[in-house]
């Protein structure tokens, strides 16, 4: 388990001199997702066709970025389905040395 945070709030993006350059979106939830949510993306066709599970980073334009163990890719907001809401932690299952997993042989 790793602490990932819950994001930050800023009203504007400053330029190099500190003056406001643009205004950010007011809400963190876009198209029903928040950055850090665990999702399963089922893309029916195209370059990224297939099913992948990973963490989503939301974009206002609707092309969310999904990060998996194999890499990152952008998908439409219509394809992912929510598995777990972001709670500020990243979870992974790791086998400790000396532990055996039960497998059926034969």
PDB file of N, CA and C in Angstrom:
ATOM      1  N   UNK A   1       0.847  -1.160   0.000  1.00  0.00           N
ATOM      2  CA  UNK A   1       0.000   0.000   0.000  1.00  0.00           C
ATOM      3  C   UNK A   1       0.901   1.234   0.000  1.00  0.00           C
ATOM      4  N   UNK A   2       0.608   2.162  -0.894  1.00  0.00           N
ATOM      5  CA  UNK A   2       1.400   3.369  -1.033  1.00  0.00           C
ATOM      6  C   UNK A   2       0.494   4.586  -0.974  1.00  0.00           C
ATOM      7  N   UNK A   3       0.909   5.608  -0.254  1.00  0.00           N
ATOM      8  CA  UNK A   3       0.136   6.848  -0.194  1.00  0.00           C
ATOM      9  C   UNK A   3       0.305   7.618  -1.495  1.00  0.00           C
ATOM     10  N   UNK A   4      -0.825   8.003  -2.111  1.00  0.00           N
ATOM     11  CA  UNK A   4      -0.789   8.703  -3.396  1.00  0.00           C
ATOM     12  C   UNK A   4      -1.314  10.128  -3.308  1.00  0.00           C
ATOM     13  N   UNK A   5      -2.049  10.473  -2.276  1.00  0.00           N
ATOM     14  CA  UNK A   5      -2.618  11.807  -2.167  1.00  0.00           C
ATOM     15  C   UNK A   5      -3.978  11.883  -2.839  1.00  0.00           C
ATOM     16  N   UNK A   6      -4.639  12.999  -2.666  1.00  0.00           N
ATOM     17  CA  UNK A   6      -5.969  13.199  -3.229  1.00  0.00           C
ATOM     18  C   UNK A   6      -6.023  14.382  -4.176  1.00  0.00           C
ATOM     19  N   UNK A   7      -4.899  14.840  -4.633  1.00  0.00           N
ATOM     20  CA  UNK A   7      -4.876  15.973  -5.541  1.00  0.00           C
ATOM     21  C   UNK A   7      -4.740  17.279  -4.788  1.00  0.00           C
ATOM     22  N   UNK A   8      -4.779  18.375  -5.522  1.00  0.00           N
ATOM     23  CA  UNK A   8      -4.655  19.690  -4.919  1.00  0.00           C
ATOM     24  C   UNK A   8      -5.679  20.621  -5.548  1.00  0.00           C
ATOM     25  N   UNK A   9      -5.888  21.738  -4.894  1.00  0.00           N
ATOM     26  CA  UNK A   9      -6.842  22.712  -5.412  1.00  0.00           C
ATOM     27  C   UNK A   9      -6.095  23.988  -5.767  1.00  0.00           C
ATOM     28  N   UNK A  10      -6.274  24.472  -6.948  1.00  0.00           N
ATOM     29  CA  UNK A  10      -5.733  25.755  -7.367  1.00  0.00           C
ATOM     30  C   UNK A  10      -6.740  26.391  -8.311  1.00  0.00           C
ATOM     31  N   UNK A  11      -6.985  27.669  -8.145  1.00  0.00           N
ATOM     32  CA  UNK A  11      -7.960  28.354  -8.993  1.00  0.00           C
ATOM     33  C   UNK A  11      -7.397  28.685 -10.370  1.00  0.00           C
ATOM     34  N   UNK A  12      -6.086  28.978 -10.431  1.00  0.00           N
ATOM     35  CA  UNK A  12      -5.474  29.364 -11.702  1.00  0.00           C
ATOM     36  C   UNK A  12      -4.150  28.659 -11.894  1.00  0.00           C
ATOM     37  N   UNK A  13      -3.653  28.704 -13.107  1.00  0.00           N
ATOM     38  CA  UNK A  13      -2.303  28.249 -13.416  1.00  0.00           C
ATOM     39  C   UNK A  13      -1.465  29.500 -13.662  1.00  0.00           C
ATOM     40  N   UNK A  14      -0.436  29.729 -12.850  1.00  0.00           N
ATOM     41  CA  UNK A  14       0.332  30.959 -13.025  1.00  0.00           C
ATOM     42  C   UNK A  14       1.386  30.833 -14.126  1.00  0.00           C
ATOM     43  N   UNK A  15       1.761  31.988 -14.670  1.00  0.00           N
ATOM     44  CA  UNK A  15       2.881  32.033 -15.606  1.00  0.00           C
ATOM     45  C   UNK A  15       4.178  32.097 -14.808  1.00  0.00           C
ATOM     46  N   UNK A  16       5.301  32.263 -15.469  1.00  0.00           N
ATOM     47  CA  UNK A  16       6.574  32.234 -14.741  1.00  0.00           C
ATOM     48  C   UNK A  16       6.774  33.430 -13.812  1.00  0.00           C
ATOM     49  N   UNK A  17       6.026  34.521 -14.030  1.00  0.00           N
ATOM     50  CA  UNK A  17       6.129  35.688 -13.162  1.00  0.00           C
ATOM     51  C   UNK A  17       5.089  35.660 -12.039  1.00  0.00           C
ATOM     52  N   UNK A  18       4.211  34.648 -12.024  1.00  0.00           N
ATOM     53  CA  UNK A  18       3.234  34.509 -10.960  1.00  0.00           C
ATOM     54  C   UNK A  18       1.856  35.050 -11.270  1.00  0.00           C
ATOM     55  N   UNK A  19       1.675  35.644 -12.454  1.00  0.00           N
ATOM     56  CA  UNK A  19       0.365  36.155 -12.829  1.00  0.00           C
ATOM     57  C   UNK A  19      -0.499  35.022 -13.378  1.00  0.00           C
ATOM     58  N   UNK A  20      -1.822  35.105 -13.212  1.00  0.00           N
ATOM     59  CA  UNK A  20      -2.684  34.018 -13.691  1.00  0.00           C
ATOM     60  C   UNK A  20      -2.624  33.877 -15.212  1.00  0.00           C
ATOM     61  N   UNK A  21      -2.455  32.651 -15.657  1.00  0.00           N
ATOM     62  CA  UNK A  21      -2.398  32.372 -17.087  1.00  0.00           C
ATOM     63  C   UNK A  21      -3.731  31.838 -17.590  1.00  0.00           C
ATOM     64  N   UNK A  22      -4.371  30.960 -16.826  1.00  0.00           N
ATOM     65  CA  UNK A  22      -5.669  30.425 -17.196  1.00  0.00           C
ATOM     66  C   UNK A  22      -6.414  30.003 -15.942  1.00  0.00           C
ATOM     67  N   UNK A  23      -7.712  29.851 -16.068  1.00  0.00           N
ATOM     68  CA  UNK A  23      -8.537  29.407 -14.945  1.00  0.00           C
ATOM     69  C   UNK A  23      -8.774  27.913 -15.062  1.00  0.00           C
ATOM     70  N   UNK A  24      -8.619  27.211 -13.966  1.00  0.00           N
ATOM     71  CA  UNK A  24      -8.832  25.767 -13.953  1.00  0.00           C
ATOM     72  C   UNK A  24     -10.301  25.436 -13.740  1.00  0.00           C
ATOM     73  N   UNK A  25     -10.646  24.176 -14.000  1.00  0.00           N
ATOM     74  CA  UNK A  25     -12.022  23.746 -13.779  1.00  0.00           C
ATOM     75  C   UNK A  25     -12.332  23.784 -12.290  1.00  0.00           C
ATOM     76  N   UNK A  26     -13.588  24.036 -11.954  1.00  0.00           N
ATOM     77  CA  UNK A  26     -13.959  24.187 -10.550  1.00  0.00           C
ATOM     78  C   UNK A  26     -14.162  22.857  -9.840  1.00  0.00           C
ATOM     79  N   UNK A  27     -14.535  21.831 -10.557  1.00  0.00           N
ATOM     80  CA  UNK A  27     -14.774  20.542  -9.919  1.00  0.00           C
ATOM     81  C   UNK A  27     -13.684  19.538 -10.250  1.00  0.00           C
ATOM     82  N   UNK A  28     -13.505  18.564  -9.389  1.00  0.00           N
ATOM     83  CA  UNK A  28     -12.510  17.527  -9.632  1.00  0.00           C
ATOM     84  C   UNK A  28     -13.112  16.326 -10.354  1.00  0.00           C
ATOM     85  N   UNK A  29     -14.434  16.187 -10.296  1.00  0.00           N
ATOM     86  CA  UNK A  29     -15.096  15.046 -10.921  1.00  0.00           C
ATOM     87  C   UNK A  29     -15.491  15.423 -12.345  1.00  0.00           C
ATOM     88  N   UNK A  30     -14.989  14.679 -13.321  1.00  0.00           N
ATOM     89  CA  UNK A  30     -15.296  14.933 -14.720  1.00  0.00           C
ATOM     90  C   UNK A  30     -15.791  13.646 -15.364  1.00  0.00           C
ATOM     91  N   UNK A  31     -16.978  13.695 -15.950  1.00  0.00           N
ATOM     92  CA  UNK A  31     -17.597  12.554 -16.617  1.00  0.00           C
ATOM     93  C   UNK A  31     -17.768  11.376 -15.668  1.00  0.00           C
ATOM     94  N   UNK A  32     -17.926  11.667 -14.365  1.00  0.00           N
ATOM     95  CA  UNK A  32     -18.173  10.624 -13.378  1.00  0.00           C
ATOM     96  C   UNK A  32     -16.933  10.005 -12.771  1.00  0.00           C
ATOM     97  N   UNK A  33     -15.751  10.478 -13.149  1.00  0.00           N
ATOM     98  CA  UNK A  33     -14.500   9.923 -12.633  1.00  0.00           C
ATOM     99  C   UNK A  33     -13.659  11.015 -11.995  1.00  0.00           C
ATOM    100  N   UNK A  34     -12.806  10.597 -11.054  1.00  0.00           N
ATOM    101  CA  UNK A  34     -11.835  11.481 -10.418  1.00  0.00           C
ATOM    102  C   UNK A  34     -10.463  10.860 -10.669  1.00  0.00           C
ATOM    103  N   UNK A  35      -9.452  11.691 -10.864  1.00  0.00           N
ATOM    104  CA  UNK A  35      -8.105  11.172 -11.062  1.00  0.00           C
ATOM    105  C   UNK A  35      -7.723  10.272  -9.894  1.00  0.00           C
ATOM    106  N   UNK A  36      -7.215   9.092 -10.196  1.00  0.00           N
ATOM    107  CA  UNK A  36      -6.836   8.126  -9.170  1.00  0.00           C
ATOM    108  C   UNK A  36      -7.804   6.978  -9.044  1.00  0.00           C
ATOM    109  N   UNK A  37      -8.986   7.060  -9.670  1.00  0.00           N
ATOM    110  CA  UNK A  37      -9.949   5.958  -9.635  1.00  0.00           C
ATOM    111  C   UNK A  37      -9.378   4.738 -10.351  1.00  0.00           C
ATOM    112  N   UNK A  38      -9.681   3.554  -9.839  1.00  0.00           N
ATOM    113  CA  UNK A  38      -9.299   2.312 -10.497  1.00  0.00           C
ATOM    114  C   UNK A  38     -10.422   1.926 -11.443  1.00  0.00           C
ATOM    115  N   UNK A  39     -10.092   1.742 -12.724  1.00  0.00           N
ATOM    116  CA  UNK A  39     -11.116   1.472 -13.734  1.00  0.00           C
ATOM    117  C   UNK A  39     -10.722   0.280 -14.598  1.00  0.00           C
ATOM    118  N   UNK A  40     -11.736  -0.305 -15.226  1.00  0.00           N
ATOM    119  CA  UNK A  40     -11.524  -1.322 -16.253  1.00  0.00           C
ATOM    120  C   UNK A  40     -11.991  -0.708 -17.561  1.00  0.00           C
ATOM    121  N   UNK A  41     -11.084  -0.598 -18.513  1.00  0.00           N
ATOM    122  CA  UNK A  41     -11.397   0.022 -19.800  1.00  0.00           C
ATOM    123  C   UNK A  41     -11.608  -1.064 -20.843  1.00  0.00           C
ATOM    124  N   UNK A  42     -12.798  -1.087 -21.410  1.00  0.00           N
ATOM    125  CA  UNK A  42     -13.122  -2.042 -22.470  1.00  0.00           C
ATOM    126  C   UNK A  42     -13.296  -1.258 -23.763  1.00  0.00           C
ATOM    127  N   UNK A  43     -12.220  -1.188 -24.545  1.00  0.00           N
ATOM    128  CA  UNK A  43     -12.224  -0.434 -25.793  1.00  0.00           C
ATOM    129  C   UNK A  43     -12.587  -1.396 -26.921  1.00  0.00           C
ATOM    130  N   UNK A  44     -13.700  -1.157 -27.642  1.00  0.00           N
ATOM    131  CA  UNK A  44     -14.173  -2.124 -28.626  1.00  0.00           C
ATOM    132  C   UNK A  44     -13.364  -2.178 -29.912  1.00  0.00           C
ATOM    133  N   UNK A  45     -12.829  -1.037 -30.374  1.00  0.00           N
ATOM    134  CA  UNK A  45     -12.108  -1.045 -31.643  1.00  0.00           C
ATOM    135  C   UNK A  45     -11.066   0.051 -31.649  1.00  0.00           C
ATOM    136  N   UNK A  46     -10.184  -0.008 -32.643  1.00  0.00           N
ATOM    137  CA  UNK A  46      -9.146   1.003 -32.775  1.00  0.00           C
ATOM    138  C   UNK A  46      -7.791   0.487 -32.335  1.00  0.00           C
ATOM    139  N   UNK A  47      -6.850   1.404 -32.224  1.00  0.00           N
ATOM    140  CA  UNK A  47      -5.465   1.063 -31.890  1.00  0.00           C
ATOM    141  C   UNK A  47      -5.345   0.437 -30.505  1.00  0.00           C
ATOM    142  N   UNK A  48      -6.148   0.905 -29.563  1.00  0.00           N
ATOM    143  CA  UNK A  48      -6.071   0.429 -28.180  1.00  0.00           C
ATOM    144  C   UNK A  48      -7.187  -0.554 -27.849  1.00  0.00           C
ATOM    145  N   UNK A  49      -7.691  -1.293 -28.812  1.00  0.00           N
ATOM    146  CA  UNK A  49      -8.780  -2.242 -28.584  1.00  0.00           C
ATOM    147  C   UNK A  49      -8.370  -3.308 -27.576  1.00  0.00           C
ATOM    148  N   UNK A  50      -9.305  -3.650 -26.699  1.00  0.00           N
ATOM    149  CA  UNK A  50      -9.052  -4.672 -25.693  1.00  0.00           C
ATOM    150  C   UNK A  50      -9.531  -4.216 -24.329  1.00  0.00           C
ATOM    151  N   UNK A  51      -9.262  -5.037 -23.331  1.00  0.00           N
ATOM    152  CA  UNK A  51      -9.655  -4.742 -21.961  1.00  0.00           C
ATOM    153  C   UNK A  51      -8.415  -4.590 -21.104  1.00  0.00           C
ATOM    154  N   UNK A  52      -8.351  -3.474 -20.392  1.00  0.00           N
ATOM    155  CA  UNK A  52      -7.216  -3.203 -19.515  1.00  0.00           C
ATOM    156  C   UNK A  52      -7.734  -2.641 -18.194  1.00  0.00           C
ATOM    157  N   UNK A  53      -6.974  -2.844 -17.133  1.00  0.00           N
ATOM    158  CA  UNK A  53      -7.324  -2.331 -15.816  1.00  0.00           C
ATOM    159  C   UNK A  53      -6.202  -1.420 -15.349  1.00  0.00           C
ATOM    160  N   UNK A  54      -6.572  -0.233 -14.876  1.00  0.00           N
ATOM    161  CA  UNK A  54      -5.554   0.704 -14.412  1.00  0.00           C
ATOM    162  C   UNK A  54      -6.157   1.906 -13.716  1.00  0.00           C
ATOM    163  N   UNK A  55      -5.309   2.874 -13.451  1.00  0.00           N
ATOM    164  CA  UNK A  55      -5.680   4.086 -12.751  1.00  0.00           C
ATOM    165  C   UNK A  55      -5.940   5.180 -13.783  1.00  0.00           C
ATOM    166  N   UNK A  56      -7.027   5.928 -13.599  1.00  0.00           N
ATOM    167  CA  UNK A  56      -7.426   6.937 -14.567  1.00  0.00           C
ATOM    168  C   UNK A  56      -6.986   8.329 -14.116  1.00  0.00           C
ATOM    169  N   UNK A  57      -6.588   9.138 -15.100  1.00  0.00           N
ATOM    170  CA  UNK A  57      -6.356  10.568 -14.901  1.00  0.00           C
ATOM    171  C   UNK A  57      -7.358  11.280 -15.801  1.00  0.00           C
ATOM    172  N   UNK A  58      -8.250  12.067 -15.213  1.00  0.00           N
ATOM    173  CA  UNK A  58      -9.344  12.657 -15.978  1.00  0.00           C
ATOM    174  C   UNK A  58      -8.888  13.896 -16.735  1.00  0.00           C
ATOM    175  N   UNK A  59      -9.541  14.135 -17.859  1.00  0.00           N
ATOM    176  CA  UNK A  59      -9.301  15.314 -18.682  1.00  0.00           C
ATOM    177  C   UNK A  59     -10.652  15.957 -18.985  1.00  0.00           C
ATOM    178  N   UNK A  60     -10.707  17.259 -19.041  1.00  0.00           N
ATOM    179  CA  UNK A  60     -11.954  17.978 -19.269  1.00  0.00           C
ATOM    180  C   UNK A  60     -12.515  17.692 -20.656  1.00  0.00           C
ATOM    181  N   UNK A  61     -11.669  17.435 -21.628  1.00  0.00           N
ATOM    182  CA  UNK A  61     -12.138  17.207 -22.997  1.00  0.00           C
ATOM    183  C   UNK A  61     -12.742  15.828 -23.191  1.00  0.00           C
ATOM    184  N   UNK A  62     -12.587  14.920 -22.199  1.00  0.00           N
ATOM    185  CA  UNK A  62     -13.214  13.611 -22.275  1.00  0.00           C
ATOM    186  C   UNK A  62     -12.285  12.486 -22.669  1.00  0.00           C
ATOM    187  N   UNK A  63     -11.059  12.779 -23.045  1.00  0.00           N
ATOM    188  CA  UNK A  63     -10.082  11.744 -23.368  1.00  0.00           C
ATOM    189  C   UNK A  63      -9.257  11.476 -22.116  1.00  0.00           C
ATOM    190  N   UNK A  64      -9.689  10.534 -21.310  1.00  0.00           N
ATOM    191  CA  UNK A  64      -9.013  10.227 -20.056  1.00  0.00           C
ATOM    192  C   UNK A  64      -7.780   9.374 -20.324  1.00  0.00           C
ATOM    193  N   UNK A  65      -6.774   9.518 -19.477  1.00  0.00           N
ATOM    194  CA  UNK A  65      -5.556   8.727 -19.587  1.00  0.00           C
ATOM    195  C   UNK A  65      -5.617   7.602 -18.557  1.00  0.00           C
ATOM    196  N   UNK A  66      -5.383   6.368 -19.003  1.00  0.00           N
ATOM    197  CA  UNK A  66      -5.378   5.208 -18.122  1.00  0.00           C
ATOM    198  C   UNK A  66      -3.950   4.677 -18.044  1.00  0.00           C
ATOM    199  N   UNK A  67      -3.446   4.520 -16.823  1.00  0.00           N
ATOM    200  CA  UNK A  67      -2.097   4.013 -16.600  1.00  0.00           C
ATOM    201  C   UNK A  67      -2.199   2.579 -16.098  1.00  0.00           C
ATOM    202  N   UNK A  68      -1.571   1.654 -16.832  1.00  0.00           N
ATOM    203  CA  UNK A  68      -1.549   0.245 -16.459  1.00  0.00           C
ATOM    204  C   UNK A  68      -0.103  -0.185 -16.246  1.00  0.00           C
ATOM    205  N   UNK A  69       0.095  -1.442 -15.922  1.00  0.00           N
ATOM    206  CA  UNK A  69       1.448  -1.964 -15.756  1.00  0.00           C
ATOM    207  C   UNK A  69       2.197  -1.988 -17.093  1.00  0.00           C
ATOM    208  N   UNK A  70       1.460  -2.073 -18.209  1.00  0.00           N
ATOM    209  CA  UNK A  70       2.072  -2.129 -19.532  1.00  0.00           C
ATOM    210  C   UNK A  70       2.375  -0.742 -20.100  1.00  0.00           C
ATOM    211  N   UNK A  71       1.777   0.309 -19.558  1.00  0.00           N
ATOM    212  CA  UNK A  71       2.002   1.657 -20.063  1.00  0.00           C
ATOM    213  C   UNK A  71       0.776   2.525 -19.909  1.00  0.00           C
ATOM    214  N   UNK A  72       0.763   3.666 -20.634  1.00  0.00           N
ATOM    215  CA  UNK A  72      -0.341   4.609 -20.563  1.00  0.00           C
ATOM    216  C   UNK A  72      -1.005   4.724 -21.926  1.00  0.00           C
ATOM    217  N   UNK A  73      -2.321   4.967 -21.912  1.00  0.00           N
ATOM    218  CA  UNK A  73      -3.035   5.202 -23.155  1.00  0.00           C
ATOM    219  C   UNK A  73      -4.256   6.060 -22.878  1.00  0.00           C
ATOM    220  N   UNK A  74      -4.718   6.772 -23.895  1.00  0.00           N
ATOM    221  CA  UNK A  74      -5.867   7.650 -23.772  1.00  0.00           C
ATOM    222  C   UNK A  74      -7.099   6.969 -24.341  1.00  0.00           C
ATOM    223  N   UNK A  75      -8.220   7.105 -23.622  1.00  0.00           N
ATOM    224  CA  UNK A  75      -9.478   6.515 -24.062  1.00  0.00           C
ATOM    225  C   UNK A  75     -10.598   7.520 -23.848  1.00  0.00           C
ATOM    226  N   UNK A  76     -11.710   7.297 -24.493  1.00  0.00           N
ATOM    227  CA  UNK A  76     -12.886   8.138 -24.321  1.00  0.00           C
ATOM    228  C   UNK A  76     -13.507   7.884 -22.956  1.00  0.00           C
ATOM    229  N   UNK A  77     -14.221   8.869 -22.447  1.00  0.00           N
ATOM    230  CA  UNK A  77     -14.878   8.724 -21.143  1.00  0.00           C
ATOM    231  C   UNK A  77     -15.997   7.694 -21.186  1.00  0.00           C
ATOM    232  N   UNK A  78     -16.409   7.243 -22.363  1.00  0.00           N
ATOM    233  CA  UNK A  78     -17.510   6.289 -22.496  1.00  0.00           C
ATOM    234  C   UNK A  78     -17.083   4.845 -22.207  1.00  0.00           C
ATOM    235  N   UNK A  79     -15.793   4.537 -22.296  1.00  0.00           N
ATOM    236  CA  UNK A  79     -15.339   3.148 -22.218  1.00  0.00           C
ATOM    237  C   UNK A  79     -14.994   2.627 -20.823  1.00  0.00           C
ATOM    238  N   UNK A  80     -14.474   3.427 -19.891  1.00  0.00           N
ATOM    239  CA  UNK A  80     -14.107   2.830 -18.596  1.00  0.00           C
ATOM    240  C   UNK A  80     -15.307   2.585 -17.693  1.00  0.00           C
ATOM    241  N   UNK A  81     -15.169   1.577 -16.841  1.00  0.00           N
ATOM    242  CA  UNK A  81     -16.155   1.320 -15.794  1.00  0.00           C
ATOM    243  C   UNK A  81     -15.420   1.321 -14.457  1.00  0.00           C
ATOM    244  N   UNK A  82     -16.047   1.882 -13.457  1.00  0.00           N
ATOM    245  CA  UNK A  82     -15.419   2.088 -12.160  1.00  0.00           C
ATOM    246  C   UNK A  82     -15.281   0.783 -11.388  1.00  0.00           C
ATOM    247  N   UNK A  83     -14.090   0.523 -10.862  1.00  0.00           N
ATOM    248  CA  UNK A  83     -13.857  -0.622  -9.984  1.00  0.00           C
ATOM    249  C   UNK A  83     -13.721  -0.175  -8.533  1.00  0.00           C
ATOM    250  N   UNK A  84     -12.984   0.933  -8.307  1.00  0.00           N
ATOM    251  CA  UNK A  84     -12.784   1.436  -6.950  1.00  0.00           C
ATOM    252  C   UNK A  84     -12.529   2.937  -7.007  1.00  0.00           C
ATOM    253  N   UNK A  85     -13.192   3.665  -6.114  1.00  0.00           N
ATOM    254  CA  UNK A  85     -12.974   5.098  -6.019  1.00  0.00           C
ATOM    255  C   UNK A  85     -11.581   5.390  -5.464  1.00  0.00           C
ATOM    256  N   UNK A  86     -11.024   6.519  -5.861  1.00  0.00           N
ATOM    257  CA  UNK A  86      -9.722   6.950  -5.343  1.00  0.00           C
ATOM    258  C   UNK A  86      -9.873   7.317  -3.871  1.00  0.00           C
ATOM    259  N   UNK A  87      -9.020   6.730  -3.027  1.00  0.00           N
ATOM    260  CA  UNK A  87      -9.067   7.044  -1.610  1.00  0.00           C
ATOM    261  C   UNK A  87      -7.723   7.546  -1.093  1.00  0.00           C
ATOM    262  N   UNK A  88      -6.819   7.902  -2.005  1.00  0.00           N
ATOM    263  CA  UNK A  88      -5.534   8.445  -1.602  1.00  0.00           C
ATOM    264  C   UNK A  88      -4.441   7.405  -1.445  1.00  0.00           C
ATOM    265  N   UNK A  89      -4.741   6.133  -1.753  1.00  0.00           N
ATOM    266  CA  UNK A  89      -3.746   5.066  -1.642  1.00  0.00           C
ATOM    267  C   UNK A  89      -3.680   4.259  -2.932  1.00  0.00           C
ATOM    268  N   UNK A  90      -2.556   3.627  -3.156  1.00  0.00           N
ATOM    269  CA  UNK A  90      -2.372   2.711  -4.273  1.00  0.00           C
ATOM    270  C   UNK A  90      -2.136   1.326  -3.682  1.00  0.00           C
ATOM    271  N   UNK A  91      -2.858   0.335  -4.195  1.00  0.00           N
ATOM    272  CA  UNK A  91      -2.794  -1.009  -3.638  1.00  0.00           C
ATOM    273  C   UNK A  91      -2.140  -1.964  -4.623  1.00  0.00           C
ATOM    274  N   UNK A  92      -1.383  -2.925  -4.106  1.00  0.00           N
ATOM    275  CA  UNK A  92      -0.771  -3.954  -4.933  1.00  0.00           C
ATOM    276  C   UNK A  92      -0.646  -5.216  -4.103  1.00  0.00           C
ATOM    277  N   UNK A  93      -0.718  -6.349  -4.775  1.00  0.00           N
ATOM    278  CA  UNK A  93      -0.544  -7.640  -4.113  1.00  0.00           C
ATOM    279  C   UNK A  93       0.835  -8.154  -4.472  1.00  0.00           C
ATOM    280  N   UNK A  94       1.639  -8.391  -3.456  1.00  0.00           N
ATOM    281  CA  UNK A  94       3.003  -8.852  -3.653  1.00  0.00           C
ATOM    282  C   UNK A  94       3.198 -10.114  -2.828  1.00  0.00           C
ATOM    283  N   UNK A  95       3.727 -11.168  -3.451  1.00  0.00           N
ATOM    284  CA  UNK A  95       4.024 -12.392  -2.721  1.00  0.00           C
ATOM    285  C   UNK A  95       5.323 -12.212  -1.948  1.00  0.00           C
ATOM    286  N   UNK A  96       5.282 -12.510  -0.653  1.00  0.00           N
ATOM    287  CA  UNK A  96       6.477 -12.399   0.169  1.00  0.00           C
ATOM    288  C   UNK A  96       7.330 -13.645  -0.005  1.00  0.00           C
ATOM    289  N   UNK A  97       8.637 -13.520   0.184  1.00  0.00           N
ATOM    290  CA  UNK A  97       9.508 -14.691   0.055  1.00  0.00           C
ATOM    291  C   UNK A  97       9.130 -15.783   1.041  1.00  0.00           C
ATOM    292  N   UNK A  98       9.141 -17.001   0.589  1.00  0.00           N
ATOM    293  CA  UNK A  98       8.828 -18.130   1.444  1.00  0.00           C
ATOM    294  C   UNK A  98       7.366 -18.506   1.453  1.00  0.00           C
ATOM    295  N   UNK A  99       6.499 -17.670   0.900  1.00  0.00           N
ATOM    296  CA  UNK A  99       5.076 -17.980   0.872  1.00  0.00           C
ATOM    297  C   UNK A  99       4.759 -18.696  -0.430  1.00  0.00           C
ATOM    298  N   UNK A 100       3.973 -19.743  -0.332  1.00  0.00           N
ATOM    299  CA  UNK A 100       3.571 -20.508  -1.504  1.00  0.00           C
ATOM    300  C   UNK A 100       2.121 -20.195  -1.827  1.00  0.00           C
ATOM    301  N   UNK A 101       1.816 -20.138  -3.098  1.00  0.00           N
ATOM    302  CA  UNK A 101       0.435 -19.967  -3.495  1.00  0.00           C
ATOM    303  C   UNK A 101      -0.148 -21.332  -3.803  1.00  0.00           C
ATOM    304  N   UNK A 102      -1.402 -21.512  -3.460  1.00  0.00           N
ATOM    305  CA  UNK A 102      -2.065 -22.803  -3.692  1.00  0.00           C
ATOM    306  C   UNK A 102      -2.381 -22.942  -5.171  1.00  0.00           C
ATOM    307  N   UNK A 103      -1.795 -23.940  -5.808  1.00  0.00           N
ATOM    308  CA  UNK A 103      -2.070 -24.196  -7.215  1.00  0.00           C
ATOM    309  C   UNK A 103      -2.496 -25.632  -7.396  1.00  0.00           C
ATOM    310  N   UNK A 104      -3.401 -25.813  -8.310  1.00  0.00           N
ATOM    311  CA  UNK A 104      -3.880 -27.138  -8.613  1.00  0.00           C
ATOM    312  C   UNK A 104      -2.977 -27.731  -9.693  1.00  0.00           C
ATOM    313  N   UNK A 105      -2.418 -28.878  -9.454  1.00  0.00           N
ATOM    314  CA  UNK A 105      -1.545 -29.520 -10.444  1.00  0.00           C
ATOM    315  C   UNK A 105      -2.207 -30.773 -10.968  1.00  0.00           C
ATOM    316  N   UNK A 106      -1.838 -31.095 -12.177  1.00  0.00           N
ATOM    317  CA  UNK A 106      -2.317 -32.366 -12.680  1.00  0.00           C
ATOM    318  C   UNK A 106      -3.296 -32.241 -13.721  1.00  0.00           C
TER     319      UNK A 106
END
